[in-house]
PDB file of N, CA and C in Angstrom:
ATOM      1  N   UNK A   1       0.187  56.298  43.083  1.00  0.00           N
ATOM      2  CA  UNK A   1      -0.988  56.905  43.659  1.00  0.00           C
ATOM      3  C   UNK A   1      -2.221  56.141  43.173  1.00  0.00           C
ATOM      4  N   UNK A   2      -3.112  55.730  44.087  1.00  0.00           N
ATOM      5  CA  UNK A   2      -4.325  55.019  43.689  1.00  0.00           C
ATOM      6  C   UNK A   2      -5.195  55.888  42.788  1.00  0.00           C
ATOM      7  N   UNK A   3      -5.879  55.222  41.885  1.00  0.00           N
ATOM      8  CA  UNK A   3      -6.761  55.909  40.955  1.00  0.00           C
ATOM      9  C   UNK A   3      -8.157  55.335  41.077  1.00  0.00           C
ATOM     10  N   UNK A   4      -9.134  56.183  41.268  1.00  0.00           N
ATOM     11  CA  UNK A   4     -10.523  55.741  41.316  1.00  0.00           C
ATOM     12  C   UNK A   4     -11.136  56.010  39.949  1.00  0.00           C
ATOM     13  N   UNK A   5     -11.553  54.923  39.285  1.00  0.00           N
ATOM     14  CA  UNK A   5     -12.171  55.053  37.970  1.00  0.00           C
ATOM     15  C   UNK A   5     -13.667  55.295  38.118  1.00  0.00           C
ATOM     16  N   UNK A   6     -14.185  56.148  37.271  1.00  0.00           N
ATOM     17  CA  UNK A   6     -15.617  56.392  37.213  1.00  0.00           C
ATOM     18  C   UNK A   6     -16.145  55.706  35.976  1.00  0.00           C
ATOM     19  N   UNK A   7     -17.061  54.788  36.144  1.00  0.00           N
ATOM     20  CA  UNK A   7     -17.585  54.028  35.023  1.00  0.00           C
ATOM     21  C   UNK A   7     -18.530  54.834  34.155  1.00  0.00           C
ATOM     22  N   UNK A   8     -18.676  54.368  32.927  1.00  0.00           N
ATOM     23  CA  UNK A   8     -19.605  54.958  31.971  1.00  0.00           C
ATOM     24  C   UNK A   8     -20.716  53.950  31.706  1.00  0.00           C
ATOM     25  N   UNK A   9     -21.974  54.407  31.720  1.00  0.00           N
ATOM     26  CA  UNK A   9     -23.081  53.489  31.449  1.00  0.00           C
ATOM     27  C   UNK A   9     -23.104  53.118  29.975  1.00  0.00           C
ATOM     28  N   UNK A  10     -23.240  51.816  29.722  1.00  0.00           N
ATOM     29  CA  UNK A  10     -23.325  51.288  28.361  1.00  0.00           C
ATOM     30  C   UNK A  10     -24.563  50.408  28.265  1.00  0.00           C
ATOM     31  N   UNK A  11     -25.335  50.590  27.206  1.00  0.00           N
ATOM     32  CA  UNK A  11     -26.514  49.767  26.957  1.00  0.00           C
ATOM     33  C   UNK A  11     -26.111  48.656  26.002  1.00  0.00           C
ATOM     34  N   UNK A  12     -26.153  47.415  26.469  1.00  0.00           N
ATOM     35  CA  UNK A  12     -25.758  46.278  25.645  1.00  0.00           C
ATOM     36  C   UNK A  12     -26.920  45.719  24.831  1.00  0.00           C
ATOM     37  N   UNK A  13     -28.110  46.250  25.039  1.00  0.00           N
ATOM     38  CA  UNK A  13     -29.295  45.778  24.332  1.00  0.00           C
ATOM     39  C   UNK A  13     -30.128  44.878  25.216  1.00  0.00           C
ATOM     40  N   UNK A  14     -31.387  44.728  24.871  1.00  0.00           N
ATOM     41  CA  UNK A  14     -32.278  43.857  25.619  1.00  0.00           C
ATOM     42  C   UNK A  14     -32.539  44.318  27.039  1.00  0.00           C
ATOM     43  N   UNK A  15     -32.312  45.598  27.306  1.00  0.00           N
ATOM     44  CA  UNK A  15     -32.524  46.125  28.647  1.00  0.00           C
ATOM     45  C   UNK A  15     -31.354  45.899  29.592  1.00  0.00           C
ATOM     46  N   UNK A  16     -30.260  45.330  29.107  1.00  0.00           N
ATOM     47  CA  UNK A  16     -29.087  45.082  29.949  1.00  0.00           C
ATOM     48  C   UNK A  16     -28.147  46.273  29.874  1.00  0.00           C
ATOM     49  N   UNK A  17     -28.045  46.979  30.985  1.00  0.00           N
ATOM     50  CA  UNK A  17     -27.145  48.121  31.071  1.00  0.00           C
ATOM     51  C   UNK A  17     -26.037  47.796  32.058  1.00  0.00           C
ATOM     52  N   UNK A  18     -24.822  48.163  31.693  1.00  0.00           N
ATOM     53  CA  UNK A  18     -23.664  47.922  32.551  1.00  0.00           C
ATOM     54  C   UNK A  18     -22.958  49.232  32.810  1.00  0.00           C
ATOM     55  N   UNK A  19     -22.198  49.260  33.869  1.00  0.00           N
ATOM     56  CA  UNK A  19     -21.283  50.365  34.122  1.00  0.00           C
ATOM     57  C   UNK A  19     -19.899  49.857  33.758  1.00  0.00           C
ATOM     58  N   UNK A  20     -19.302  50.430  32.728  1.00  0.00           N
ATOM     59  CA  UNK A  20     -18.004  49.972  32.213  1.00  0.00           C
ATOM     60  C   UNK A  20     -16.891  50.809  32.834  1.00  0.00           C
ATOM     61  N   UNK A  21     -16.005  50.116  33.583  1.00  0.00           N
ATOM     62  CA  UNK A  21     -14.851  50.772  34.202  1.00  0.00           C
ATOM     63  C   UNK A  21     -13.613  50.689  33.326  1.00  0.00           C
ATOM     64  N   UNK A  22     -13.461  49.579  32.620  1.00  0.00           N
ATOM     65  CA  UNK A  22     -12.330  49.411  31.698  1.00  0.00           C
ATOM     66  C   UNK A  22     -12.862  48.921  30.364  1.00  0.00           C
ATOM     67  N   UNK A  23     -12.303  49.331  29.250  1.00  0.00           N
ATOM     68  CA  UNK A  23     -11.154  50.210  29.119  1.00  0.00           C
ATOM     69  C   UNK A  23     -11.510  51.643  29.500  1.00  0.00           C
ATOM     70  N   UNK A  24     -10.492  52.371  29.930  1.00  0.00           N
ATOM     71  CA  UNK A  24     -10.663  53.768  30.351  1.00  0.00           C
ATOM     72  C   UNK A  24      -9.444  54.572  29.950  1.00  0.00           C
ATOM     73  N   UNK A  25      -9.678  55.801  29.599  1.00  0.00           N
ATOM     74  CA  UNK A  25      -8.595  56.703  29.203  1.00  0.00           C
ATOM     75  C   UNK A  25      -7.534  56.795  30.301  1.00  0.00           C
ATOM     76  N   UNK A  26      -7.993  56.799  31.557  1.00  0.00           N
ATOM     77  CA  UNK A  26      -7.069  56.940  32.688  1.00  0.00           C
ATOM     78  C   UNK A  26      -6.171  55.724  32.883  1.00  0.00           C
ATOM     79  N   UNK A  27      -6.530  54.596  32.277  1.00  0.00           N
ATOM     80  CA  UNK A  27      -5.753  53.364  32.415  1.00  0.00           C
ATOM     81  C   UNK A  27      -5.445  52.781  31.039  1.00  0.00           C
ATOM     82  N   UNK A  28      -4.808  53.573  30.202  1.00  0.00           N
ATOM     83  CA  UNK A  28      -4.491  53.140  28.838  1.00  0.00           C
ATOM     84  C   UNK A  28      -3.566  51.933  28.819  1.00  0.00           C
ATOM     85  N   UNK A  29      -2.758  51.728  29.849  1.00  0.00           N
ATOM     86  CA  UNK A  29      -1.806  50.622  29.859  1.00  0.00           C
ATOM     87  C   UNK A  29      -2.496  49.261  29.986  1.00  0.00           C
ATOM     88  N   UNK A  30      -3.762  49.244  30.385  1.00  0.00           N
ATOM     89  CA  UNK A  30      -4.486  47.979  30.522  1.00  0.00           C
ATOM     90  C   UNK A  30      -4.815  47.410  29.154  1.00  0.00           C
ATOM     91  N   UNK A  31      -4.968  48.247  28.166  1.00  0.00           N
ATOM     92  CA  UNK A  31      -5.205  47.784  26.803  1.00  0.00           C
ATOM     93  C   UNK A  31      -6.668  47.707  26.436  1.00  0.00           C
ATOM     94  N   UNK A  32      -6.945  47.627  25.142  1.00  0.00           N
ATOM     95  CA  UNK A  32      -8.333  47.659  24.669  1.00  0.00           C
ATOM     96  C   UNK A  32      -9.059  46.315  24.769  1.00  0.00           C
ATOM     97  N   UNK A  33      -8.392  45.256  25.213  1.00  0.00           N
ATOM     98  CA  UNK A  33      -9.012  43.939  25.226  1.00  0.00           C
ATOM     99  C   UNK A  33      -9.409  43.480  26.618  1.00  0.00           C
ATOM    100  N   UNK A  34      -9.333  44.381  27.582  1.00  0.00           N
ATOM    101  CA  UNK A  34      -9.758  44.068  28.941  1.00  0.00           C
ATOM    102  C   UNK A  34     -10.971  44.932  29.240  1.00  0.00           C
ATOM    103  N   UNK A  35     -12.086  44.271  29.526  1.00  0.00           N
ATOM    104  CA  UNK A  35     -13.305  44.982  29.882  1.00  0.00           C
ATOM    105  C   UNK A  35     -13.647  44.649  31.323  1.00  0.00           C
ATOM    106  N   UNK A  36     -13.984  45.660  32.085  1.00  0.00           N
ATOM    107  CA  UNK A  36     -14.466  45.455  33.444  1.00  0.00           C
ATOM    108  C   UNK A  36     -15.817  46.145  33.532  1.00  0.00           C
ATOM    109  N   UNK A  37     -16.866  45.329  33.534  1.00  0.00           N
ATOM    110  CA  UNK A  37     -18.232  45.830  33.588  1.00  0.00           C
ATOM    111  C   UNK A  37     -18.871  45.410  34.900  1.00  0.00           C
ATOM    112  N   UNK A  38     -19.714  46.275  35.432  1.00  0.00           N
ATOM    113  CA  UNK A  38     -20.502  45.945  36.610  1.00  0.00           C
ATOM    114  C   UNK A  38     -21.966  46.011  36.207  1.00  0.00           C
ATOM    115  N   UNK A  39     -22.719  44.980  36.547  1.00  0.00           N
ATOM    116  CA  UNK A  39     -24.154  45.060  36.348  1.00  0.00           C
ATOM    117  C   UNK A  39     -24.862  44.403  37.507  1.00  0.00           C
ATOM    118  N   UNK A  40     -26.031  44.921  37.797  1.00  0.00           N
ATOM    119  CA  UNK A  40     -26.844  44.368  38.868  1.00  0.00           C
ATOM    120  C   UNK A  40     -26.839  45.254  40.090  1.00  0.00           C
ATOM    121  N   UNK A  41     -27.553  44.836  41.087  1.00  0.00           N
ATOM    122  CA  UNK A  41     -28.303  43.579  41.086  1.00  0.00           C
ATOM    123  C   UNK A  41     -29.498  43.650  40.143  1.00  0.00           C
ATOM    124  N   UNK A  42     -29.845  42.505  39.590  1.00  0.00           N
ATOM    125  CA  UNK A  42     -30.977  42.390  38.670  1.00  0.00           C
ATOM    126  C   UNK A  42     -31.759  41.145  39.021  1.00  0.00           C
ATOM    127  N   UNK A  43     -33.052  41.220  38.834  1.00  0.00           N
ATOM    128  CA  UNK A  43     -33.920  40.062  39.041  1.00  0.00           C
ATOM    129  C   UNK A  43     -34.591  39.723  37.722  1.00  0.00           C
ATOM    130  N   UNK A  44     -34.494  38.468  37.319  1.00  0.00           N
ATOM    131  CA  UNK A  44     -35.134  37.976  36.114  1.00  0.00           C
ATOM    132  C   UNK A  44     -35.964  36.762  36.478  1.00  0.00           C
ATOM    133  N   UNK A  45     -37.093  36.641  35.854  1.00  0.00           N
ATOM    134  CA  UNK A  45     -37.925  35.467  36.041  1.00  0.00           C
ATOM    135  C   UNK A  45     -37.236  34.268  35.383  1.00  0.00           C
ATOM    136  N   UNK A  46     -37.401  33.055  35.911  1.00  0.00           N
ATOM    137  CA  UNK A  46     -36.815  31.865  35.274  1.00  0.00           C
ATOM    138  C   UNK A  46     -37.246  31.769  33.806  1.00  0.00           C
ATOM    139  N   UNK A  47     -36.305  31.522  32.934  1.00  0.00           N
ATOM    140  CA  UNK A  47     -36.580  31.396  31.506  1.00  0.00           C
ATOM    141  C   UNK A  47     -36.603  32.710  30.750  1.00  0.00           C
ATOM    142  N   UNK A  48     -36.513  33.840  31.464  1.00  0.00           N
ATOM    143  CA  UNK A  48     -36.518  35.149  30.800  1.00  0.00           C
ATOM    144  C   UNK A  48     -35.203  35.350  30.056  1.00  0.00           C
ATOM    145  N   UNK A  49     -35.285  35.821  28.832  1.00  0.00           N
ATOM    146  CA  UNK A  49     -34.090  36.052  28.024  1.00  0.00           C
ATOM    147  C   UNK A  49     -33.745  37.525  27.983  1.00  0.00           C
ATOM    148  N   UNK A  50     -32.467  37.809  27.919  1.00  0.00           N
ATOM    149  CA  UNK A  50     -31.971  39.155  27.695  1.00  0.00           C
ATOM    150  C   UNK A  50     -31.222  39.099  26.378  1.00  0.00           C
ATOM    151  N   UNK A  51     -31.772  39.709  25.358  1.00  0.00           N
ATOM    152  CA  UNK A  51     -31.173  39.649  24.029  1.00  0.00           C
ATOM    153  C   UNK A  51     -30.196  40.797  23.840  1.00  0.00           C
ATOM    154  N   UNK A  52     -28.929  40.505  24.052  1.00  0.00           N
ATOM    155  CA  UNK A  52     -27.870  41.489  23.852  1.00  0.00           C
ATOM    156  C   UNK A  52     -27.620  41.611  22.356  1.00  0.00           C
ATOM    157  N   UNK A  53     -27.380  42.846  21.905  1.00  0.00           N
ATOM    158  CA  UNK A  53     -27.113  43.071  20.481  1.00  0.00           C
ATOM    159  C   UNK A  53     -25.977  42.188  19.989  1.00  0.00           C
ATOM    160  N   UNK A  54     -25.984  41.834  18.698  1.00  0.00           N
ATOM    161  CA  UNK A  54     -24.871  41.054  18.136  1.00  0.00           C
ATOM    162  C   UNK A  54     -23.536  41.770  18.364  1.00  0.00           C
ATOM    163  N   UNK A  55     -22.538  40.978  18.679  1.00  0.00           N
ATOM    164  CA  UNK A  55     -21.210  41.528  18.931  1.00  0.00           C
ATOM    165  C   UNK A  55     -20.181  40.460  18.570  1.00  0.00           C
ATOM    166  N   UNK A  56     -19.002  40.878  18.176  1.00  0.00           N
ATOM    167  CA  UNK A  56     -17.994  39.902  17.760  1.00  0.00           C
ATOM    168  C   UNK A  56     -17.414  39.129  18.939  1.00  0.00           C
ATOM    169  N   UNK A  57     -17.147  37.874  18.699  1.00  0.00           N
ATOM    170  CA  UNK A  57     -16.398  37.063  19.656  1.00  0.00           C
ATOM    171  C   UNK A  57     -15.063  36.785  18.992  1.00  0.00           C
ATOM    172  N   UNK A  58     -14.045  37.425  19.497  1.00  0.00           N
ATOM    173  CA  UNK A  58     -12.743  37.370  18.826  1.00  0.00           C
ATOM    174  C   UNK A  58     -11.712  36.639  19.669  1.00  0.00           C
ATOM    175  N   UNK A  59     -12.153  35.641  20.392  1.00  0.00           N
ATOM    176  CA  UNK A  59     -11.220  34.849  21.179  1.00  0.00           C
ATOM    177  C   UNK A  59     -10.894  35.436  22.545  1.00  0.00           C
ATOM    178  N   UNK A  60     -11.673  36.404  23.001  1.00  0.00           N
ATOM    179  CA  UNK A  60     -11.437  36.973  24.326  1.00  0.00           C
ATOM    180  C   UNK A  60     -11.997  36.042  25.397  1.00  0.00           C
ATOM    181  N   UNK A  61     -11.339  35.981  26.509  1.00  0.00           N
ATOM    182  CA  UNK A  61     -11.832  35.201  27.639  1.00  0.00           C
ATOM    183  C   UNK A  61     -12.726  36.088  28.491  1.00  0.00           C
ATOM    184  N   UNK A  62     -13.838  35.535  28.939  1.00  0.00           N
ATOM    185  CA  UNK A  62     -14.779  36.285  29.764  1.00  0.00           C
ATOM    186  C   UNK A  62     -14.811  35.674  31.152  1.00  0.00           C
ATOM    187  N   UNK A  63     -14.745  36.529  32.158  1.00  0.00           N
ATOM    188  CA  UNK A  63     -14.863  36.095  33.546  1.00  0.00           C
ATOM    189  C   UNK A  63     -16.059  36.823  34.134  1.00  0.00           C
ATOM    190  N   UNK A  64     -16.994  36.057  34.676  1.00  0.00           N
ATOM    191  CA  UNK A  64     -18.153  36.639  35.340  1.00  0.00           C
ATOM    192  C   UNK A  64     -18.133  36.150  36.773  1.00  0.00           C
ATOM    193  N   UNK A  65     -18.193  37.080  37.712  1.00  0.00           N
ATOM    194  CA  UNK A  65     -18.214  36.711  39.120  1.00  0.00           C
ATOM    195  C   UNK A  65     -19.565  37.095  39.695  1.00  0.00           C
ATOM    196  N   UNK A  66     -20.289  36.126  40.189  1.00  0.00           N
ATOM    197  CA  UNK A  66     -21.593  36.370  40.785  1.00  0.00           C
ATOM    198  C   UNK A  66     -21.467  36.451  42.297  1.00  0.00           C
ATOM    199  N   UNK A  67     -22.092  37.452  42.869  1.00  0.00           N
ATOM    200  CA  UNK A  67     -22.131  37.559  44.312  1.00  0.00           C
ATOM    201  C   UNK A  67     -23.339  36.827  44.873  1.00  0.00           C
ATOM    202  N   UNK A  68     -24.386  36.689  44.037  1.00  0.00           N
ATOM    203  CA  UNK A  68     -25.611  36.037  44.476  1.00  0.00           C
ATOM    204  C   UNK A  68     -26.361  35.555  43.246  1.00  0.00           C
ATOM    205  N   UNK A  69     -27.051  34.422  43.368  1.00  0.00           N
ATOM    206  CA  UNK A  69     -27.891  33.937  42.284  1.00  0.00           C
ATOM    207  C   UNK A  69     -27.162  33.036  41.315  1.00  0.00           C
ATOM    208  N   UNK A  70     -27.712  32.927  40.097  1.00  0.00           N
ATOM    209  CA  UNK A  70     -27.155  32.047  39.081  1.00  0.00           C
ATOM    210  C   UNK A  70     -27.308  32.699  37.717  1.00  0.00           C
ATOM    211  N   UNK A  71     -26.527  32.214  36.758  1.00  0.00           N
ATOM    212  CA  UNK A  71     -26.511  32.787  35.416  1.00  0.00           C
ATOM    213  C   UNK A  71     -26.237  31.684  34.414  1.00  0.00           C
ATOM    214  N   UNK A  72     -26.951  31.706  33.293  1.00  0.00           N
ATOM    215  CA  UNK A  72     -26.640  30.806  32.188  1.00  0.00           C
ATOM    216  C   UNK A  72     -26.524  31.661  30.937  1.00  0.00           C
ATOM    217  N   UNK A  73     -25.458  31.464  30.165  1.00  0.00           N
ATOM    218  CA  UNK A  73     -25.216  32.229  28.948  1.00  0.00           C
ATOM    219  C   UNK A  73     -25.398  31.324  27.744  1.00  0.00           C
ATOM    220  N   UNK A  74     -26.186  31.772  26.795  1.00  0.00           N
ATOM    221  CA  UNK A  74     -26.330  31.079  25.512  1.00  0.00           C
ATOM    222  C   UNK A  74     -25.929  32.052  24.420  1.00  0.00           C
ATOM    223  N   UNK A  75     -25.177  31.564  23.449  1.00  0.00           N
ATOM    224  CA  UNK A  75     -24.779  32.436  22.347  1.00  0.00           C
ATOM    225  C   UNK A  75     -25.904  32.538  21.325  1.00  0.00           C
ATOM    226  N   UNK A  76     -25.649  33.250  20.231  1.00  0.00           N
ATOM    227  CA  UNK A  76     -26.690  33.486  19.225  1.00  0.00           C
ATOM    228  C   UNK A  76     -27.134  32.213  18.516  1.00  0.00           C
ATOM    229  N   UNK A  77     -26.378  31.129  18.664  1.00  0.00           N
ATOM    230  CA  UNK A  77     -26.761  29.839  18.078  1.00  0.00           C
ATOM    231  C   UNK A  77     -27.402  28.928  19.115  1.00  0.00           C
ATOM    232  N   UNK A  78     -27.743  29.506  20.259  1.00  0.00           N
ATOM    233  CA  UNK A  78     -28.417  28.807  21.360  1.00  0.00           C
ATOM    234  C   UNK A  78     -27.532  27.753  22.023  1.00  0.00           C
ATOM    235  N   UNK A  79     -26.220  27.867  21.827  1.00  0.00           N
ATOM    236  CA  UNK A  79     -25.302  26.960  22.534  1.00  0.00           C
ATOM    237  C   UNK A  79     -25.078  27.505  23.934  1.00  0.00           C
ATOM    238  N   UNK A  80     -25.119  26.629  24.905  1.00  0.00           N
ATOM    239  CA  UNK A  80     -24.864  27.033  26.283  1.00  0.00           C
ATOM    240  C   UNK A  80     -23.358  27.112  26.479  1.00  0.00           C
ATOM    241  N   UNK A  81     -22.843  28.327  26.644  1.00  0.00           N
ATOM    242  CA  UNK A  81     -21.407  28.537  26.799  1.00  0.00           C
ATOM    243  C   UNK A  81     -20.967  28.573  28.252  1.00  0.00           C
ATOM    244  N   UNK A  82     -21.864  28.943  29.141  1.00  0.00           N
ATOM    245  CA  UNK A  82     -21.460  29.071  30.535  1.00  0.00           C
ATOM    246  C   UNK A  82     -22.671  28.959  31.439  1.00  0.00           C
ATOM    247  N   UNK A  83     -22.465  28.375  32.572  1.00  0.00           N
ATOM    248  CA  UNK A  83     -23.486  28.307  33.606  1.00  0.00           C
ATOM    249  C   UNK A  83     -22.770  28.534  34.925  1.00  0.00           C
ATOM    250  N   UNK A  84     -23.258  29.483  35.701  1.00  0.00           N
ATOM    251  CA  UNK A  84     -22.557  29.867  36.930  1.00  0.00           C
ATOM    252  C   UNK A  84     -23.527  30.007  38.080  1.00  0.00           C
ATOM    253  N   UNK A  85     -23.036  29.744  39.270  1.00  0.00           N
ATOM    254  CA  UNK A  85     -23.803  29.949  40.489  1.00  0.00           C
ATOM    255  C   UNK A  85     -22.884  30.651  41.485  1.00  0.00           C
ATOM    256  N   UNK A  86     -23.467  31.602  42.219  1.00  0.00           N
ATOM    257  CA  UNK A  86     -22.691  32.343  43.202  1.00  0.00           C
ATOM    258  C   UNK A  86     -22.152  31.394  44.263  1.00  0.00           C
ATOM    259  N   UNK A  87     -20.958  31.684  44.801  1.00  0.00           N
ATOM    260  CA  UNK A  87     -20.401  30.833  45.852  1.00  0.00           C
ATOM    261  C   UNK A  87     -21.271  30.854  47.097  1.00  0.00           C
ATOM    262  N   UNK A  88     -21.301  29.731  47.778  1.00  0.00           N
ATOM    263  CA  UNK A  88     -22.078  29.634  49.020  1.00  0.00           C
ATOM    264  C   UNK A  88     -21.391  30.441  50.104  1.00  0.00           C
ATOM    265  N   UNK A  89     -22.199  31.176  50.865  1.00  0.00           N
ATOM    266  CA  UNK A  89     -21.648  31.956  51.962  1.00  0.00           C
ATOM    267  C   UNK A  89     -21.954  31.323  53.305  1.00  0.00           C
ATOM    268  N   UNK A  90     -22.565  30.134  53.289  1.00  0.00           N
ATOM    269  CA  UNK A  90     -22.960  29.467  54.526  1.00  0.00           C
ATOM    270  C   UNK A  90     -21.945  28.564  54.954  1.00  0.00           C
TER     271      UNK A  90
END
């Protein structure tokens, strides 16, 4: 039977709020190391930073899918870890 998950709002810091669908009590079999967050749409001025609170990086892989726009991620040491652009729809 299909299950519709209801996300919980989480504040990651720096004004970045996400709706977290996983992990969820209803889907315990997915495990505690899979996160499914939804955020946006959001508009940021070029060069604007969003300072997310410190958090551990324990070897988890992160997948970010953009529907529109672009994103660049820098870690706390200012290393650029990822740069993404939404797929062209034209």
